[in-house]
Amino acid sequence: MKNILIINRKGGVGKTLVADELAFALDAKNVPYCFYDLDGQGGTLHEPVEMDDADISIIDTPGSLQGEMGEWVKDADVVIAIGSRMSDF
């Protein structure tokens, strides 16, 4: 499974919008995926879902994520850093 991590060190920059748009695109192509909303603000249009046959995992991270972010970036297959430089992580 490929893990797509959507990150930024602060909230309100569009992480959840990007996560939802990715999920809509996968829905349109009938690609099984897992959706994890770790942001906790409740702004996502998709319910968290875990599928056994998923090809892709979309992870929307909280804006205040600090310490663990470096490890998450290392473990991800694709990182989408919204409004940031990768050197910030």
Protein backbone atom coordinates (compact mmCIF):
# COMPACT_ATOMS: atom_id res chain seq x y z
CA MET A 1 0.00 0.00 0.00
CA LYS A 2 1.23 3.50 -0.85
CA ASN A 3 0.94 6.08 1.93
CA ILE A 4 0.16 9.69 0.98
CA LEU A 5 0.86 12.08 3.84
CA ILE A 6 -0.55 15.62 3.73
CA ILE A 7 1.31 17.94 6.10
CA ASN A 8 1.95 21.45 7.32
CA ARG A 9 2.96 22.73 10.72
CA LYS A 10 -0.15 24.88 11.07
CA GLY A 11 -3.85 24.64 10.43
CA GLY A 12 -6.01 26.42 7.89
CA VAL A 13 -3.71 25.89 4.92
CA GLY A 14 -5.83 23.42 2.92
CA LYS A 15 -4.60 19.99 4.03
CA THR A 16 -8.10 18.63 4.48
CA LEU A 17 -9.24 20.04 1.14
CA VAL A 18 -6.37 18.24 -0.61
CA ALA A 19 -7.13 15.00 1.27
CA ASP A 20 -10.80 15.19 0.25
CA GLU A 21 -9.97 15.95 -3.38
CA LEU A 22 -7.61 12.97 -3.54
CA ALA A 23 -10.33 10.76 -2.08
CA PHE A 24 -12.88 12.07 -4.60
CA ALA A 25 -10.46 11.29 -7.44
CA LEU A 26 -9.90 7.75 -6.15
CA ASP A 27 -13.66 7.28 -5.74
CA ALA A 28 -14.17 8.31 -9.37
CA LYS A 29 -11.63 5.69 -10.52
CA ASN A 30 -12.96 2.98 -8.13
CA VAL A 31 -9.56 2.69 -6.46
CA PRO A 32 -9.82 1.21 -2.95
CA TYR A 33 -8.19 3.41 -0.32
CA CYS A 34 -7.92 4.08 3.38
CA PHE A 35 -8.72 7.57 4.63
CA TYR A 36 -7.32 8.77 7.95
CA ASP A 37 -8.39 12.14 9.33
CA LEU A 38 -5.92 12.81 12.12
CA ASP A 39 -6.61 16.54 12.02
CA GLY A 40 -9.54 16.27 14.42
CA GLN A 41 -11.22 19.53 13.36
CA GLY A 42 -14.00 17.66 11.60
CA GLY A 43 -13.69 19.56 8.33
CA THR A 44 -13.32 16.58 6.02
CA LEU A 45 -16.12 15.52 3.73
CA HIS A 46 -14.98 11.87 3.88
CA GLU A 47 -15.48 9.61 6.85
CA PRO A 48 -12.37 7.80 8.03
CA VAL A 49 -12.31 4.40 6.34
CA GLU A 50 -10.01 1.40 6.38
CA MET A 51 -10.27 -1.14 3.56
CA ASP A 52 -8.49 -4.50 3.57
CA ASP A 53 -7.85 -4.35 -0.18
CA ALA A 54 -6.73 -0.70 -0.27
CA ASP A 55 -4.02 0.34 -2.71
CA ILE A 56 -3.55 3.80 -1.22
CA SER A 57 -3.70 5.38 2.20
CA ILE A 58 -4.53 9.11 2.51
CA ILE A 59 -3.45 10.66 5.80
CA ASP A 60 -4.61 14.18 6.75
CA THR A 61 -2.40 15.31 9.63
CA PRO A 62 -3.11 17.86 12.35
CA GLY A 63 -1.61 21.31 11.93
CA SER A 64 0.02 21.21 15.34
CA LEU A 65 1.90 17.98 14.66
CA GLN A 66 5.52 18.66 15.57
CA GLY A 67 7.68 15.93 17.06
CA GLU A 68 6.33 12.94 15.15
CA MET A 69 6.20 14.70 11.78
CA GLY A 70 9.78 13.83 10.84
CA GLU A 71 9.18 10.12 11.40
CA TRP A 72 5.90 10.22 9.49
CA VAL A 73 7.63 11.90 6.54
CA LYS A 74 10.32 9.19 6.51
CA ASP A 75 7.68 6.44 6.48
CA ALA A 76 5.47 7.98 3.76
CA ASP A 77 5.68 7.03 0.08
CA VAL A 78 4.38 10.44 -1.04
CA VAL A 79 4.44 13.66 0.99
CA ILE A 80 2.30 16.64 0.05
CA ALA A 81 3.59 19.62 2.02
CA ILE A 82 1.01 22.38 1.75
CA GLY A 83 2.59 25.83 1.65
CA SER A 84 5.92 24.68 3.07
CA ARG A 85 9.42 23.75 2.11
CA MET A 86 10.41 20.14 2.73
CA SER A 87 13.46 21.45 4.58
CA ASP A 88 11.02 22.66 7.26
CA PHE A 89 10.41 19.04 8.22
